[in-house]
Amino acid sequence: MATYLVLEDIKAHLNVDFDDDDDYISSLMDMVENAVAIEIETDLADLEDEADMIPLRLLHGMFLLVGHFYLIREPVSIGVSVTEIPLAFKFLIAPFKNWIIS
């Protein structure tokens, strides 16, 4: 069960006003929280403030990632031009990554 992402907030972000996909969206929320923790190599609980919330930019990055996986459910897209939006997910999580220079 997702700790920081709230189903109602994610559904509002996705403009989903029906309940048919709630289980699928919830599974994406769980997966994204885990994936972000792995990506930044940090336990998300270590980033909590006094109100047990993680930084807003990290939370919004998770919203974007859930939206990505909700809207794009296959590994390839045929007949559609796709362009990565600059300053999106990677920009939002960058300050939380453990960068190693070798």
N, C-alpha and C. Protein backbone atom coordinates (compact mmCIF):
# COMPACT_ATOMS: atom_id res chain seq x y z
N MET A 1 0.84 -1.19 0.00
CA MET A 1 0.00 0.00 0.00
C MET A 1 0.89 1.25 0.00
N ALA A 2 0.58 2.16 -0.90
CA ALA A 2 1.37 3.38 -1.03
C ALA A 2 1.32 4.18 0.28
N THR A 3 2.45 4.76 0.63
CA THR A 3 2.55 5.52 1.86
C THR A 3 2.35 7.01 1.65
N TYR A 4 2.86 7.52 0.55
CA TYR A 4 2.85 8.97 0.32
C TYR A 4 1.86 9.41 -0.75
N LEU A 5 1.57 8.53 -1.68
CA LEU A 5 0.61 8.84 -2.73
C LEU A 5 -0.79 8.47 -2.27
N VAL A 6 -1.75 9.34 -2.53
CA VAL A 6 -3.14 9.13 -2.12
C VAL A 6 -3.97 8.93 -3.38
N LEU A 7 -4.75 7.86 -3.39
CA LEU A 7 -5.53 7.49 -4.58
C LEU A 7 -6.36 8.65 -5.12
N GLU A 8 -7.06 9.35 -4.26
CA GLU A 8 -7.92 10.44 -4.72
C GLU A 8 -7.10 11.55 -5.38
N ASP A 9 -5.92 11.84 -4.84
CA ASP A 9 -5.04 12.87 -5.42
C ASP A 9 -4.52 12.43 -6.78
N ILE A 10 -4.12 11.17 -6.88
CA ILE A 10 -3.62 10.65 -8.15
C ILE A 10 -4.74 10.65 -9.19
N LYS A 11 -5.93 10.23 -8.80
CA LYS A 11 -7.05 10.23 -9.76
C LYS A 11 -7.37 11.64 -10.24
N ALA A 12 -7.26 12.61 -9.36
CA ALA A 12 -7.48 14.01 -9.77
C ALA A 12 -6.40 14.43 -10.76
N HIS A 13 -5.16 14.04 -10.48
CA HIS A 13 -4.05 14.35 -11.38
C HIS A 13 -4.27 13.73 -12.76
N LEU A 14 -4.82 12.52 -12.77
CA LEU A 14 -5.05 11.80 -14.02
C LEU A 14 -6.37 12.17 -14.69
N ASN A 15 -7.18 12.99 -14.02
CA ASN A 15 -8.53 13.32 -14.50
C ASN A 15 -9.39 12.06 -14.65
N VAL A 16 -9.25 11.16 -13.69
CA VAL A 16 -10.04 9.93 -13.67
C VAL A 16 -11.17 10.12 -12.67
N ASP A 17 -12.40 10.07 -13.15
CA ASP A 17 -13.55 10.28 -12.27
C ASP A 17 -14.44 9.04 -12.15
N PHE A 18 -13.83 7.88 -12.36
CA PHE A 18 -14.54 6.61 -12.22
C PHE A 18 -13.69 5.68 -11.37
N ASP A 19 -14.29 4.61 -10.87
CA ASP A 19 -13.61 3.72 -9.93
C ASP A 19 -13.09 2.43 -10.55
N ASP A 20 -13.37 2.19 -11.82
CA ASP A 20 -13.00 0.92 -12.45
C ASP A 20 -11.50 0.63 -12.41
N ASP A 21 -10.68 1.65 -12.46
CA ASP A 21 -9.23 1.47 -12.51
C ASP A 21 -8.54 1.65 -11.16
N ASP A 22 -9.30 1.74 -10.08
CA ASP A 22 -8.71 2.01 -8.76
C ASP A 22 -7.64 0.99 -8.37
N ASP A 23 -7.90 -0.29 -8.59
CA ASP A 23 -6.92 -1.31 -8.21
C ASP A 23 -5.64 -1.17 -9.04
N TYR A 24 -5.81 -0.91 -10.34
CA TYR A 24 -4.65 -0.74 -11.21
C TYR A 24 -3.85 0.50 -10.81
N ILE A 25 -4.53 1.60 -10.58
CA ILE A 25 -3.85 2.84 -10.18
C ILE A 25 -3.14 2.63 -8.84
N SER A 26 -3.77 1.95 -7.91
CA SER A 26 -3.15 1.68 -6.61
C SER A 26 -1.89 0.85 -6.77
N SER A 27 -1.91 -0.14 -7.67
CA SER A 27 -0.72 -0.95 -7.90
C SER A 27 0.40 -0.10 -8.51
N LEU A 28 0.05 0.83 -9.38
CA LEU A 28 1.05 1.74 -9.95
C LEU A 28 1.64 2.64 -8.87
N MET A 29 0.81 3.11 -7.95
CA MET A 29 1.29 3.95 -6.85
C MET A 29 2.32 3.21 -6.01
N ASP A 30 2.03 1.96 -5.68
CA ASP A 30 2.97 1.15 -4.89
C ASP A 30 4.28 0.97 -5.64
N MET A 31 4.18 0.62 -6.91
CA MET A 31 5.36 0.37 -7.73
C MET A 31 6.20 1.64 -7.86
N VAL A 32 5.56 2.78 -8.08
CA VAL A 32 6.29 4.04 -8.27
C VAL A 32 7.00 4.46 -6.99
N GLU A 33 6.36 4.33 -5.85
CA GLU A 33 7.05 4.68 -4.60
C GLU A 33 8.30 3.82 -4.43
N ASN A 34 8.19 2.54 -4.72
CA ASN A 34 9.33 1.64 -4.62
C ASN A 34 10.39 2.00 -5.65
N ALA A 35 9.99 2.26 -6.88
CA ALA A 35 10.94 2.58 -7.95
C ALA A 35 11.70 3.87 -7.65
N VAL A 36 11.02 4.87 -7.12
CA VAL A 36 11.68 6.13 -6.81
C VAL A 36 12.68 5.94 -5.67
N ALA A 37 12.32 5.18 -4.67
CA ALA A 37 13.25 4.91 -3.56
C ALA A 37 14.51 4.21 -4.08
N ILE A 38 14.34 3.29 -5.02
CA ILE A 38 15.49 2.60 -5.61
C ILE A 38 16.30 3.58 -6.46
N GLU A 39 15.63 4.42 -7.23
CA GLU A 39 16.31 5.38 -8.11
C GLU A 39 17.17 6.37 -7.33
N ILE A 40 16.65 6.85 -6.23
CA ILE A 40 17.42 7.84 -5.45
C ILE A 40 18.27 7.18 -4.36
N GLU A 41 18.18 5.85 -4.26
CA GLU A 41 18.97 5.08 -3.31
C GLU A 41 18.81 5.59 -1.89
N THR A 42 17.56 5.90 -1.54
CA THR A 42 17.25 6.43 -0.22
C THR A 42 15.89 5.91 0.22
N ASP A 43 15.79 5.57 1.48
CA ASP A 43 14.49 5.22 2.04
C ASP A 43 13.68 6.51 2.10
N LEU A 44 12.50 6.52 1.50
CA LEU A 44 11.70 7.75 1.46
C LEU A 44 11.39 8.27 2.85
N ALA A 45 11.29 7.40 3.83
CA ALA A 45 11.01 7.82 5.20
C ALA A 45 12.13 8.72 5.74
N ASP A 46 13.34 8.56 5.22
CA ASP A 46 14.46 9.40 5.66
C ASP A 46 14.31 10.85 5.19
N LEU A 47 13.41 11.10 4.24
CA LEU A 47 13.21 12.44 3.70
C LEU A 47 12.00 13.15 4.29
N GLU A 48 11.30 12.47 5.20
CA GLU A 48 10.08 13.04 5.78
C GLU A 48 10.38 14.27 6.64
N ASP A 49 9.45 15.22 6.62
CA ASP A 49 9.54 16.38 7.50
C ASP A 49 8.77 16.08 8.79
N GLU A 50 8.55 17.10 9.60
CA GLU A 50 7.85 16.91 10.88
C GLU A 50 6.42 16.42 10.70
N ALA A 51 5.82 16.68 9.55
CA ALA A 51 4.44 16.25 9.27
C ALA A 51 4.40 14.90 8.56
N ASP A 52 5.52 14.17 8.54
CA ASP A 52 5.64 12.87 7.88
C ASP A 52 5.40 12.94 6.38
N MET A 53 5.71 14.08 5.78
CA MET A 53 5.57 14.25 4.34
C MET A 53 6.95 14.31 3.70
N ILE A 54 7.04 13.82 2.46
CA ILE A 54 8.28 13.93 1.70
C ILE A 54 8.25 15.24 0.92
N PRO A 55 9.40 15.70 0.40
CA PRO A 55 9.42 16.96 -0.33
C PRO A 55 8.42 16.97 -1.50
N LEU A 56 7.79 18.12 -1.70
CA LEU A 56 6.75 18.26 -2.72
C LEU A 56 7.27 17.93 -4.12
N ARG A 57 8.48 18.35 -4.44
CA ARG A 57 8.99 18.08 -5.79
C ARG A 57 9.16 16.58 -6.02
N LEU A 58 9.53 15.83 -4.99
CA LEU A 58 9.65 14.38 -5.12
C LEU A 58 8.27 13.76 -5.27
N LEU A 59 7.33 14.23 -4.50
CA LEU A 59 5.95 13.74 -4.59
C LEU A 59 5.38 14.00 -5.98
N HIS A 60 5.60 15.20 -6.51
CA HIS A 60 5.08 15.51 -7.84
C HIS A 60 5.77 14.66 -8.91
N GLY A 61 7.05 14.38 -8.73
CA GLY A 61 7.73 13.47 -9.65
C GLY A 61 7.06 12.11 -9.67
N MET A 62 6.61 11.66 -8.51
CA MET A 62 5.89 10.38 -8.45
C MET A 62 4.55 10.48 -9.16
N PHE A 63 3.86 11.61 -9.02
CA PHE A 63 2.60 11.81 -9.75
C PHE A 63 2.84 11.66 -11.26
N LEU A 64 3.91 12.29 -11.75
CA LEU A 64 4.22 12.22 -13.17
C LEU A 64 4.50 10.79 -13.61
N LEU A 65 5.22 10.05 -12.79
CA LEU A 65 5.56 8.68 -13.14
C LEU A 65 4.33 7.78 -13.13
N VAL A 66 3.45 7.94 -12.15
CA VAL A 66 2.19 7.17 -12.15
C VAL A 66 1.40 7.50 -13.42
N GLY A 67 1.32 8.79 -13.76
CA GLY A 67 0.61 9.19 -14.96
C GLY A 67 1.20 8.56 -16.21
N HIS A 68 2.52 8.52 -16.27
CA HIS A 68 3.19 7.91 -17.42
C HIS A 68 2.79 6.44 -17.56
N PHE A 69 2.89 5.68 -16.47
CA PHE A 69 2.57 4.26 -16.54
C PHE A 69 1.08 4.00 -16.73
N TYR A 70 0.24 4.90 -16.27
CA TYR A 70 -1.21 4.74 -16.45
C TYR A 70 -1.59 4.96 -17.92
N LEU A 71 -1.00 5.98 -18.53
CA LEU A 71 -1.37 6.32 -19.90
C LEU A 71 -0.65 5.49 -20.95
N ILE A 72 0.59 5.07 -20.64
CA ILE A 72 1.38 4.30 -21.60
C ILE A 72 1.61 2.92 -20.99
N ARG A 73 0.80 1.96 -21.42
CA ARG A 73 0.80 0.64 -20.79
C ARG A 73 1.62 -0.40 -21.54
N GLU A 74 2.21 -0.03 -22.65
CA GLU A 74 3.00 -0.96 -23.44
C GLU A 74 4.41 -0.40 -23.62
N PRO A 75 5.40 -1.26 -23.92
CA PRO A 75 6.78 -0.80 -24.03
C PRO A 75 7.09 -0.03 -25.31
N VAL A 76 6.22 -0.13 -26.32
CA VAL A 76 6.43 0.61 -27.56
C VAL A 76 5.14 1.32 -27.95
N SER A 77 5.30 2.37 -28.72
CA SER A 77 4.16 3.13 -29.22
C SER A 77 4.32 3.25 -30.72
N ILE A 78 3.34 2.76 -31.45
CA ILE A 78 3.44 2.74 -32.90
C ILE A 78 2.58 3.85 -33.49
N GLY A 79 3.15 4.58 -34.43
CA GLY A 79 2.39 5.61 -35.14
C GLY A 79 2.21 6.91 -34.38
N VAL A 80 2.98 7.09 -33.32
CA VAL A 80 2.86 8.30 -32.51
C VAL A 80 4.25 8.85 -32.28
N SER A 81 4.42 10.13 -32.48
CA SER A 81 5.69 10.77 -32.17
C SER A 81 5.71 11.09 -30.68
N VAL A 82 6.75 10.68 -30.00
CA VAL A 82 6.85 10.89 -28.56
C VAL A 82 8.10 11.71 -28.26
N THR A 83 7.94 12.70 -27.44
CA THR A 83 9.05 13.55 -27.04
C THR A 83 9.07 13.65 -25.52
N GLU A 84 10.25 13.45 -24.93
CA GLU A 84 10.37 13.59 -23.49
C GLU A 84 10.20 15.06 -23.11
N ILE A 85 9.44 15.30 -22.06
CA ILE A 85 9.23 16.66 -21.58
C ILE A 85 10.41 17.05 -20.70
N PRO A 86 11.16 18.08 -21.09
CA PRO A 86 12.29 18.48 -20.25
C PRO A 86 11.82 18.99 -18.89
N LEU A 87 12.71 18.88 -17.92
CA LEU A 87 12.44 19.36 -16.57
C LEU A 87 11.26 18.66 -15.91
N ALA A 88 11.05 17.42 -16.24
CA ALA A 88 9.94 16.70 -15.63
C ALA A 88 10.48 15.79 -14.53
N PHE A 89 10.22 14.51 -14.61
CA PHE A 89 10.56 13.57 -13.55
C PHE A 89 12.03 13.63 -13.15
N LYS A 90 12.94 13.56 -14.12
CA LYS A 90 14.37 13.54 -13.80
C LYS A 90 14.79 14.81 -13.07
N PHE A 91 14.27 15.94 -13.50
CA PHE A 91 14.57 17.21 -12.86
C PHE A 91 14.06 17.23 -11.41
N LEU A 92 12.86 16.71 -11.20
CA LEU A 92 12.26 16.75 -9.87
C LEU A 92 12.98 15.87 -8.87
N ILE A 93 13.49 14.73 -9.31
CA ILE A 93 14.13 13.83 -8.35
C ILE A 93 15.64 14.04 -8.24
N ALA A 94 16.24 14.78 -9.15
CA ALA A 94 17.70 14.94 -9.18
C ALA A 94 18.33 15.34 -7.84
N PRO A 95 17.75 16.29 -7.08
CA PRO A 95 18.40 16.66 -5.82
C PRO A 95 18.43 15.55 -4.77
N PHE A 96 17.65 14.51 -4.97
CA PHE A 96 17.56 13.45 -3.98
C PHE A 96 18.42 12.23 -4.33
N LYS A 97 19.01 12.24 -5.53
CA LYS A 97 19.84 11.13 -5.96
C LYS A 97 21.20 11.19 -5.28
N ASN A 98 21.78 10.03 -5.07
CA ASN A 98 23.15 9.95 -4.55
C ASN A 98 24.08 9.87 -5.76
N TRP A 99 24.61 11.02 -6.17
CA TRP A 99 25.47 11.08 -7.34
C TRP A 99 26.87 10.62 -6.97
N ILE A 100 27.44 9.76 -7.79
CA ILE A 100 28.79 9.26 -7.56
C ILE A 100 29.65 9.69 -8.74
N ILE A 101 30.73 10.37 -8.45
CA ILE A 101 31.66 10.80 -9.50
C ILE A 101 32.89 9.93 -9.39
N SER A 102 33.20 9.27 -10.51
CA SER A 102 34.36 8.39 -10.47
C SER A 102 35.38 8.78 -11.52
